Amino acid sequence: MTNNDIFKKLRVAHKLRDDDIVKILTLVDFRISKSELNAMFRNEDHPKYMECGDQVLRNFLNGLIIHLRGPMPKKDNSNKPKQKKNNT
């Protein structure tokens, strides 16, 4: 199974349109055009087919997490216990 297959299946499973995917990718500061997306969703034998790279899929998955769950809450370090220094 290729990255393109995974990307297509996620798009169908979450009922995403090209605009939605572009917005999801902007959540992780990754820019892609609709024409590039369409090239990834074409059949492999199409002359304008483009392979989906690991970077595109990784950023899409990270953006999808933010899209579905919301942004990760900031960690509060004020309650963190202080470590003692070893003077040995």
PDB file of N, CA and C in Angstrom:
ATOM      1  N   MET A   1       0.848  -1.174   0.000  1.00  0.00           N
ATOM      2  CA  MET A   1       0.000   0.000   0.000  1.00  0.00           C
ATOM      3  C   MET A   1       0.897   1.242   0.000  1.00  0.00           C
ATOM      4  N   THR A   2       0.621   2.158  -0.893  1.00  0.00           N
ATOM      5  CA  THR A   2       1.440   3.358  -1.035  1.00  0.00           C
ATOM      6  C   THR A   2       0.886   4.500  -0.175  1.00  0.00           C
ATOM      7  N   ASN A   3       1.680   5.553  -0.049  1.00  0.00           N
ATOM      8  CA  ASN A   3       1.217   6.749   0.660  1.00  0.00           C
ATOM      9  C   ASN A   3      -0.024   7.325  -0.015  1.00  0.00           C
ATOM     10  N   ASN A   4      -0.067   7.254  -1.352  1.00  0.00           N
ATOM     11  CA  ASN A   4      -1.235   7.762  -2.076  1.00  0.00           C
ATOM     12  C   ASN A   4      -2.493   6.994  -1.683  1.00  0.00           C
ATOM     13  N   ASP A   5      -2.373   5.667  -1.563  1.00  0.00           N
ATOM     14  CA  ASP A   5      -3.521   4.847  -1.165  1.00  0.00           C
ATOM     15  C   ASP A   5      -4.009   5.226   0.232  1.00  0.00           C
ATOM     16  N   ILE A   6      -3.075   5.405   1.148  1.00  0.00           N
ATOM     17  CA  ILE A   6      -3.428   5.773   2.525  1.00  0.00           C
ATOM     18  C   ILE A   6      -4.111   7.137   2.539  1.00  0.00           C
ATOM     19  N   PHE A   7      -3.536   8.081   1.800  1.00  0.00           N
ATOM     20  CA  PHE A   7      -4.088   9.436   1.723  1.00  0.00           C
ATOM     21  C   PHE A   7      -5.517   9.401   1.164  1.00  0.00           C
ATOM     22  N   LYS A   8      -5.729   8.641   0.100  1.00  0.00           N
ATOM     23  CA  LYS A   8      -7.062   8.518  -0.506  1.00  0.00           C
ATOM     24  C   LYS A   8      -8.065   7.919   0.473  1.00  0.00           C
ATOM     25  N   LYS A   9      -7.659   6.866   1.164  1.00  0.00           N
ATOM     26  CA  LYS A   9      -8.560   6.199   2.108  1.00  0.00           C
ATOM     27  C   LYS A   9      -8.932   7.106   3.273  1.00  0.00           C
ATOM     28  N   LEU A  10      -7.969   7.883   3.771  1.00  0.00           N
ATOM     29  CA  LEU A  10      -8.259   8.831   4.848  1.00  0.00           C
ATOM     30  C   LEU A  10      -9.196   9.936   4.367  1.00  0.00           C
ATOM     31  N   ARG A  11      -8.983  10.389   3.147  1.00  0.00           N
ATOM     32  CA  ARG A  11      -9.851  11.424   2.580  1.00  0.00           C
ATOM     33  C   ARG A  11     -11.290  10.939   2.493  1.00  0.00           C
ATOM     34  N   VAL A  12     -11.480   9.714   2.032  1.00  0.00           N
ATOM     35  CA  VAL A  12     -12.832   9.162   1.898  1.00  0.00           C
ATOM     36  C   VAL A  12     -13.438   8.888   3.275  1.00  0.00           C
ATOM     37  N   ALA A  13     -12.651   8.308   4.181  1.00  0.00           N
ATOM     38  CA  ALA A  13     -13.157   7.944   5.506  1.00  0.00           C
ATOM     39  C   ALA A  13     -13.620   9.166   6.293  1.00  0.00           C
ATOM     40  N   HIS A  14     -12.909  10.281   6.130  1.00  0.00           N
ATOM     41  CA  HIS A  14     -13.271  11.496   6.870  1.00  0.00           C
ATOM     42  C   HIS A  14     -14.107  12.463   6.041  1.00  0.00           C
ATOM     43  N   LYS A  15     -14.477  12.044   4.829  1.00  0.00           N
ATOM     44  CA  LYS A  15     -15.328  12.841   3.935  1.00  0.00           C
ATOM     45  C   LYS A  15     -14.756  14.249   3.739  1.00  0.00           C
ATOM     46  N   LEU A  16     -13.469  14.297   3.371  1.00  0.00           N
ATOM     47  CA  LEU A  16     -12.779  15.569   3.205  1.00  0.00           C
ATOM     48  C   LEU A  16     -12.747  15.997   1.747  1.00  0.00           C
ATOM     49  N   ARG A  17     -12.915  17.274   1.515  1.00  0.00           N
ATOM     50  CA  ARG A  17     -12.771  17.852   0.186  1.00  0.00           C
ATOM     51  C   ARG A  17     -11.391  18.470   0.071  1.00  0.00           C
ATOM     52  N   ASP A  18     -11.038  18.898  -1.117  1.00  0.00           N
ATOM     53  CA  ASP A  18      -9.709  19.491  -1.329  1.00  0.00           C
ATOM     54  C   ASP A  18      -9.489  20.699  -0.428  1.00  0.00           C
ATOM     55  N   ASP A  19     -10.517  21.549  -0.288  1.00  0.00           N
ATOM     56  CA  ASP A  19     -10.400  22.727   0.575  1.00  0.00           C
ATOM     57  C   ASP A  19     -10.109  22.322   2.015  1.00  0.00           C
ATOM     58  N   ASP A  20     -10.787  21.272   2.476  1.00  0.00           N
ATOM     59  CA  ASP A  20     -10.583  20.792   3.840  1.00  0.00           C
ATOM     60  C   ASP A  20      -9.145  20.321   4.044  1.00  0.00           C
ATOM     61  N   ILE A  21      -8.627  19.604   3.077  1.00  0.00           N
ATOM     62  CA  ILE A  21      -7.258  19.080   3.183  1.00  0.00           C
ATOM     63  C   ILE A  21      -6.257  20.224   3.186  1.00  0.00           C
ATOM     64  N   VAL A  22      -6.475  21.225   2.350  1.00  0.00           N
ATOM     65  CA  VAL A  22      -5.576  22.383   2.318  1.00  0.00           C
ATOM     66  C   VAL A  22      -5.594  23.084   3.682  1.00  0.00           C
ATOM     67  N   LYS A  23      -6.781  23.246   4.282  1.00  0.00           N
ATOM     68  CA  LYS A  23      -6.888  23.888   5.596  1.00  0.00           C
ATOM     69  C   LYS A  23      -6.211  23.053   6.679  1.00  0.00           C
ATOM     70  N   ILE A  24      -6.378  21.741   6.608  1.00  0.00           N
ATOM     71  CA  ILE A  24      -5.748  20.851   7.586  1.00  0.00           C
ATOM     72  C   ILE A  24      -4.234  20.961   7.497  1.00  0.00           C
ATOM     73  N   LEU A  25      -3.709  21.022   6.285  1.00  0.00           N
ATOM     74  CA  LEU A  25      -2.262  21.137   6.121  1.00  0.00           C
ATOM     75  C   LEU A  25      -1.737  22.498   6.577  1.00  0.00           C
ATOM     76  N   THR A  26      -2.560  23.539   6.479  1.00  0.00           N
ATOM     77  CA  THR A  26      -2.107  24.849   6.959  1.00  0.00           C
ATOM     78  C   THR A  26      -2.043  24.891   8.482  1.00  0.00           C
ATOM     79  N   LEU A  27      -2.744  23.992   9.156  1.00  0.00           N
ATOM     80  CA  LEU A  27      -2.668  23.928  10.625  1.00  0.00           C
ATOM     81  C   LEU A  27      -1.259  23.584  11.096  1.00  0.00           C
ATOM     82  N   VAL A  28      -0.508  22.899  10.251  1.00  0.00           N
ATOM     83  CA  VAL A  28       0.878  22.538  10.594  1.00  0.00           C
ATOM     84  C   VAL A  28       1.868  23.312   9.714  1.00  0.00           C
ATOM     85  N   ASP A  29       1.409  24.448   9.185  1.00  0.00           N
ATOM     86  CA  ASP A  29       2.252  25.336   8.358  1.00  0.00           C
ATOM     87  C   ASP A  29       2.845  24.625   7.145  1.00  0.00           C
ATOM     88  N   PHE A  30       2.036  23.815   6.492  1.00  0.00           N
ATOM     89  CA  PHE A  30       2.457  23.134   5.267  1.00  0.00           C
ATOM     90  C   PHE A  30       1.537  23.596   4.151  1.00  0.00           C
ATOM     91  N   ARG A  31       2.107  24.171   3.122  1.00  0.00           N
ATOM     92  CA  ARG A  31       1.325  24.718   2.005  1.00  0.00           C
ATOM     93  C   ARG A  31       1.346  23.738   0.831  1.00  0.00           C
ATOM     94  N   ILE A  32       0.170  23.540   0.243  1.00  0.00           N
ATOM     95  CA  ILE A  32       0.047  22.700  -0.945  1.00  0.00           C
ATOM     96  C   ILE A  32      -1.118  23.235  -1.767  1.00  0.00           C
ATOM     97  N   SER A  33      -1.002  23.161  -3.072  1.00  0.00           N
ATOM     98  CA  SER A  33      -2.072  23.667  -3.938  1.00  0.00           C
ATOM     99  C   SER A  33      -3.076  22.550  -4.226  1.00  0.00           C
ATOM    100  N   LYS A  34      -4.252  22.974  -4.664  1.00  0.00           N
ATOM    101  CA  LYS A  34      -5.285  21.990  -5.017  1.00  0.00           C
ATOM    102  C   LYS A  34      -4.859  21.139  -6.204  1.00  0.00           C
ATOM    103  N   SER A  35      -4.129  21.728  -7.143  1.00  0.00           N
ATOM    104  CA  SER A  35      -3.700  20.956  -8.303  1.00  0.00           C
ATOM    105  C   SER A  35      -2.694  19.879  -7.909  1.00  0.00           C
ATOM    106  N   GLU A  36      -1.831  20.171  -6.924  1.00  0.00           N
ATOM    107  CA  GLU A  36      -0.911  19.146  -6.427  1.00  0.00           C
ATOM    108  C   GLU A  36      -1.677  18.027  -5.738  1.00  0.00           C
ATOM    109  N   LEU A  37      -2.705  18.395  -4.978  1.00  0.00           N
ATOM    110  CA  LEU A  37      -3.535  17.379  -4.327  1.00  0.00           C
ATOM    111  C   LEU A  37      -4.216  16.493  -5.355  1.00  0.00           C
ATOM    112  N   ASN A  38      -4.798  17.111  -6.369  1.00  0.00           N
ATOM    113  CA  ASN A  38      -5.479  16.340  -7.410  1.00  0.00           C
ATOM    114  C   ASN A  38      -4.531  15.379  -8.107  1.00  0.00           C
ATOM    115  N   ALA A  39      -3.289  15.803  -8.289  1.00  0.00           N
ATOM    116  CA  ALA A  39      -2.300  14.934  -8.932  1.00  0.00           C
ATOM    117  C   ALA A  39      -2.012  13.700  -8.067  1.00  0.00           C
ATOM    118  N   MET A  40      -2.076  13.866  -6.754  1.00  0.00           N
ATOM    119  CA  MET A  40      -1.843  12.733  -5.856  1.00  0.00           C
ATOM    120  C   MET A  40      -3.013  11.756  -5.839  1.00  0.00           C
ATOM    121  N   PHE A  41      -4.212  12.253  -6.125  1.00  0.00           N
ATOM    122  CA  PHE A  41      -5.399  11.407  -6.087  1.00  0.00           C
ATOM    123  C   PHE A  41      -5.729  10.782  -7.437  1.00  0.00           C
ATOM    124  N   ARG A  42      -4.914  11.006  -8.437  1.00  0.00           N
ATOM    125  CA  ARG A  42      -5.132  10.412  -9.761  1.00  0.00           C
ATOM    126  C   ARG A  42      -4.676   8.954  -9.779  1.00  0.00           C
ATOM    127  N   ASN A  43      -5.054   8.243 -10.835  1.00  0.00           N
ATOM    128  CA  ASN A  43      -4.574   6.868 -11.024  1.00  0.00           C
ATOM    129  C   ASN A  43      -3.090   6.881 -11.365  1.00  0.00           C
ATOM    130  N   GLU A  44      -2.409   5.809 -11.016  1.00  0.00           N
ATOM    131  CA  GLU A  44      -0.962   5.737 -11.236  1.00  0.00           C
ATOM    132  C   GLU A  44      -0.587   5.818 -12.707  1.00  0.00           C
ATOM    133  N   ASP A  45      -1.464   5.375 -13.591  1.00  0.00           N
ATOM    134  CA  ASP A  45      -1.139   5.390 -15.015  1.00  0.00           C
ATOM    135  C   ASP A  45      -1.458   6.734 -15.688  1.00  0.00           C
ATOM    136  N   HIS A  46      -2.001   7.688 -14.947  1.00  0.00           N
ATOM    137  CA  HIS A  46      -2.306   9.009 -15.496  1.00  0.00           C
ATOM    138  C   HIS A  46      -1.009   9.789 -15.706  1.00  0.00           C
ATOM    139  N   PRO A  47      -0.902  10.543 -16.806  1.00  0.00           N
ATOM    140  CA  PRO A  47       0.351  11.271 -17.076  1.00  0.00           C
ATOM    141  C   PRO A  47       0.694  12.332 -16.022  1.00  0.00           C
ATOM    142  N   LYS A  48      -0.300  12.889 -15.338  1.00  0.00           N
ATOM    143  CA  LYS A  48      -0.036  13.934 -14.339  1.00  0.00           C
ATOM    144  C   LYS A  48      -0.092  13.395 -12.903  1.00  0.00           C
ATOM    145  N   TYR A  49       0.028  12.082 -12.755  1.00  0.00           N
ATOM    146  CA  TYR A  49       0.050  11.457 -11.434  1.00  0.00           C
ATOM    147  C   TYR A  49       1.294  11.906 -10.674  1.00  0.00           C
ATOM    148  N   MET A  50       1.129  12.184  -9.388  1.00  0.00           N
ATOM    149  CA  MET A  50       2.259  12.574  -8.554  1.00  0.00           C
ATOM    150  C   MET A  50       2.274  11.690  -7.308  1.00  0.00           C
ATOM    151  N   GLU A  51       3.439  11.204  -6.956  1.00  0.00           N
ATOM    152  CA  GLU A  51       3.567  10.352  -5.793  1.00  0.00           C
ATOM    153  C   GLU A  51       3.479  11.197  -4.526  1.00  0.00           C
ATOM    154  N   CYS A  52       2.759  10.698  -3.547  1.00  0.00           N
ATOM    155  CA  CYS A  52       2.637  11.375  -2.258  1.00  0.00           C
ATOM    156  C   CYS A  52       3.856  11.009  -1.417  1.00  0.00           C
ATOM    157  N   GLY A  53       4.634  11.989  -1.085  1.00  0.00           N
ATOM    158  CA  GLY A  53       5.839  11.746  -0.300  1.00  0.00           C
ATOM    159  C   GLY A  53       5.542  11.564   1.175  1.00  0.00           C
ATOM    160  N   ASP A  54       6.536  11.079   1.894  1.00  0.00           N
ATOM    161  CA  ASP A  54       6.390  10.870   3.333  1.00  0.00           C
ATOM    162  C   ASP A  54       6.099  12.173   4.063  1.00  0.00           C
ATOM    163  N   GLN A  55       6.724  13.253   3.625  1.00  0.00           N
ATOM    164  CA  GLN A  55       6.551  14.548   4.282  1.00  0.00           C
ATOM    165  C   GLN A  55       5.110  15.037   4.176  1.00  0.00           C
ATOM    166  N   VAL A  56       4.496  14.876   3.015  1.00  0.00           N
ATOM    167  CA  VAL A  56       3.104  15.317   2.820  1.00  0.00           C
ATOM    168  C   VAL A  56       2.176  14.502   3.709  1.00  0.00           C
ATOM    169  N   LEU A  57       2.336  13.188   3.697  1.00  0.00           N
ATOM    170  CA  LEU A  57       1.466  12.333   4.503  1.00  0.00           C
ATOM    171  C   LEU A  57       1.676  12.595   5.995  1.00  0.00           C
ATOM    172  N   ARG A  58       2.923  12.750   6.424  1.00  0.00           N
ATOM    173  CA  ARG A  58       3.213  13.016   7.833  1.00  0.00           C
ATOM    174  C   ARG A  58       2.569  14.323   8.282  1.00  0.00           C
ATOM    175  N   ASN A  59       2.708  15.371   7.474  1.00  0.00           N
ATOM    176  CA  ASN A  59       2.100  16.654   7.833  1.00  0.00           C
ATOM    177  C   ASN A  59       0.580  16.582   7.808  1.00  0.00           C
ATOM    178  N   PHE A  60       0.024  15.830   6.875  1.00  0.00           N
ATOM    179  CA  PHE A  60      -1.425  15.671   6.843  1.00  0.00           C
ATOM    180  C   PHE A  60      -1.923  14.966   8.102  1.00  0.00           C
ATOM    181  N   LEU A  61      -1.239  13.909   8.517  1.00  0.00           N
ATOM    182  CA  LEU A  61      -1.649  13.180   9.723  1.00  0.00           C
ATOM    183  C   LEU A  61      -1.541  14.066  10.961  1.00  0.00           C
ATOM    184  N   ASN A  62      -0.472  14.836  11.071  1.00  0.00           N
ATOM    185  CA  ASN A  62      -0.334  15.752  12.206  1.00  0.00           C
ATOM    186  C   ASN A  62      -1.414  16.825  12.179  1.00  0.00           C
ATOM    187  N   GLY A  63      -1.727  17.343  11.005  1.00  0.00           N
ATOM    188  CA  GLY A  63      -2.790  18.333  10.876  1.00  0.00           C
ATOM    189  C   GLY A  63      -4.156  17.746  11.163  1.00  0.00           C
ATOM    190  N   LEU A  64      -4.365  16.498  10.764  1.00  0.00           N
ATOM    191  CA  LEU A  64      -5.649  15.831  11.019  1.00  0.00           C
ATOM    192  C   LEU A  64      -5.868  15.650  12.513  1.00  0.00           C
ATOM    193  N   ILE A  65      -4.818  15.347  13.245  1.00  0.00           N
ATOM    194  CA  ILE A  65      -4.924  15.226  14.705  1.00  0.00           C
ATOM    195  C   ILE A  65      -5.367  16.553  15.302  1.00  0.00           C
ATOM    196  N   ILE A  66      -4.745  17.636  14.872  1.00  0.00           N
ATOM    197  CA  ILE A  66      -5.121  18.959  15.378  1.00  0.00           C
ATOM    198  C   ILE A  66      -6.546  19.293  14.968  1.00  0.00           C
ATOM    199  N   HIS A  67      -6.913  18.951  13.739  1.00  0.00           N
ATOM    200  CA  HIS A  67      -8.263  19.228  13.228  1.00  0.00           C
ATOM    201  C   HIS A  67      -9.322  18.489  14.047  1.00  0.00           C
ATOM    202  N   LEU A  68      -9.052  17.244  14.402  1.00  0.00           N
ATOM    203  CA  LEU A  68     -10.040  16.431  15.110  1.00  0.00           C
ATOM    204  C   LEU A  68     -10.037  16.663  16.621  1.00  0.00           C
ATOM    205  N   ARG A  69      -8.872  16.823  17.222  1.00  0.00           N
ATOM    206  CA  ARG A  69      -8.762  16.955  18.679  1.00  0.00           C
ATOM    207  C   ARG A  69      -8.626  18.386  19.166  1.00  0.00           C
ATOM    208  N   GLY A  70      -8.150  19.254  18.317  1.00  0.00           N
ATOM    209  CA  GLY A  70      -7.828  20.613  18.741  1.00  0.00           C
ATOM    210  C   GLY A  70      -6.354  20.699  19.053  1.00  0.00           C
ATOM    211  N   PRO A  71      -5.849  21.912  19.230  1.00  0.00           N
ATOM    212  CA  PRO A  71      -4.421  22.061  19.498  1.00  0.00           C
ATOM    213  C   PRO A  71      -4.047  21.484  20.861  1.00  0.00           C
ATOM    214  N   MET A  72      -2.808  21.049  20.954  1.00  0.00           N
ATOM    215  CA  MET A  72      -2.316  20.458  22.185  1.00  0.00           C
ATOM    216  C   MET A  72      -2.218  21.535  23.259  1.00  0.00           C
ATOM    217  N   PRO A  73      -2.723  21.251  24.471  1.00  0.00           N
ATOM    218  CA  PRO A  73      -2.636  22.269  25.524  1.00  0.00           C
ATOM    219  C   PRO A  73      -1.184  22.500  25.925  1.00  0.00           C
ATOM    220  N   LYS A  74      -0.899  23.730  26.311  1.00  0.00           N
ATOM    221  CA  LYS A  74       0.459  24.079  26.737  1.00  0.00           C
ATOM    222  C   LYS A  74       0.731  23.436  28.084  1.00  0.00           C
ATOM    223  N   LYS A  75       1.968  22.964  28.262  1.00  0.00           N
ATOM    224  CA  LYS A  75       2.354  22.347  29.524  1.00  0.00           C
ATOM    225  C   LYS A  75       2.637  23.426  30.550  1.00  0.00           C
ATOM    226  N   ASP A  76       2.163  23.184  31.776  1.00  0.00           N
ATOM    227  CA  ASP A  76       2.385  24.108  32.876  1.00  0.00           C
ATOM    228  C   ASP A  76       3.532  23.563  33.722  1.00  0.00           C
ATOM    229  N   ASN A  77       4.650  24.251  33.724  1.00  0.00           N
ATOM    230  CA  ASN A  77       5.830  23.796  34.454  1.00  0.00           C
ATOM    231  C   ASN A  77       5.879  24.316  35.883  1.00  0.00           C
ATOM    232  N   SER A  78       4.871  25.082  36.323  1.00  0.00           N
ATOM    233  CA  SER A  78       4.908  25.664  37.667  1.00  0.00           C
ATOM    234  C   SER A  78       4.718  24.611  38.757  1.00  0.00           C
ATOM    235  N   ASN A  79       4.042  23.502  38.477  1.00  0.00           N
ATOM    236  CA  ASN A  79       3.805  22.459  39.466  1.00  0.00           C
ATOM    237  C   ASN A  79       4.872  21.376  39.446  1.00  0.00           C
ATOM    238  N   LYS A  80       5.860  21.552  38.626  1.00  0.00           N
ATOM    239  CA  LYS A  80       6.907  20.547  38.480  1.00  0.00           C
ATOM    240  C   LYS A  80       7.833  20.588  39.698  1.00  0.00           C
ATOM    241  N   PRO A  81       8.073  19.439  40.331  1.00  0.00           N
ATOM    242  CA  PRO A  81       8.959  19.452  41.509  1.00  0.00           C
ATOM    243  C   PRO A  81      10.393  19.765  41.108  1.00  0.00           C
ATOM    244  N   LYS A  82      11.063  20.507  41.982  1.00  0.00           N
ATOM    245  CA  LYS A  82      12.446  20.878  41.696  1.00  0.00           C
ATOM    246  C   LYS A  82      13.360  19.709  42.025  1.00  0.00           C
ATOM    247  N   GLN A  83      14.374  19.537  41.208  1.00  0.00           N
ATOM    248  CA  GLN A  83      15.338  18.464  41.436  1.00  0.00           C
ATOM    249  C   GLN A  83      16.474  18.972  42.301  1.00  0.00           C
ATOM    250  N   LYS A  84      16.912  18.104  43.194  1.00  0.00           N
ATOM    251  CA  LYS A  84      18.037  18.435  44.050  1.00  0.00           C
ATOM    252  C   LYS A  84      19.336  18.194  43.288  1.00  0.00           C
ATOM    253  N   LYS A  85      20.288  19.062  43.525  1.00  0.00           N
ATOM    254  CA  LYS A  85      21.589  18.900  42.890  1.00  0.00           C
ATOM    255  C   LYS A  85      22.442  17.970  43.707  1.00  0.00           C
ATOM    256  N   ASN A  86      23.153  17.098  43.058  1.00  0.00           N
ATOM    257  CA  ASN A  86      24.099  16.193  43.710  1.00  0.00           C
ATOM    258  C   ASN A  86      25.460  16.861  43.736  1.00  0.00           C
ATOM    259  N   ASN A  87      26.027  17.033  44.898  1.00  0.00           N
ATOM    260  CA  ASN A  87      27.334  17.661  45.033  1.00  0.00           C
ATOM    261  C   ASN A  87      28.434  16.627  45.245  1.00  0.00           C
ATOM    262  N   THR A  88      28.306  15.502  44.638  1.00  0.00           N
ATOM    263  CA  THR A  88      29.322  14.446  44.812  1.00  0.00           C
ATOM    264  C   THR A  88      30.311  14.446  43.697  1.00  0.00           C
TER     265      THR A  88
END
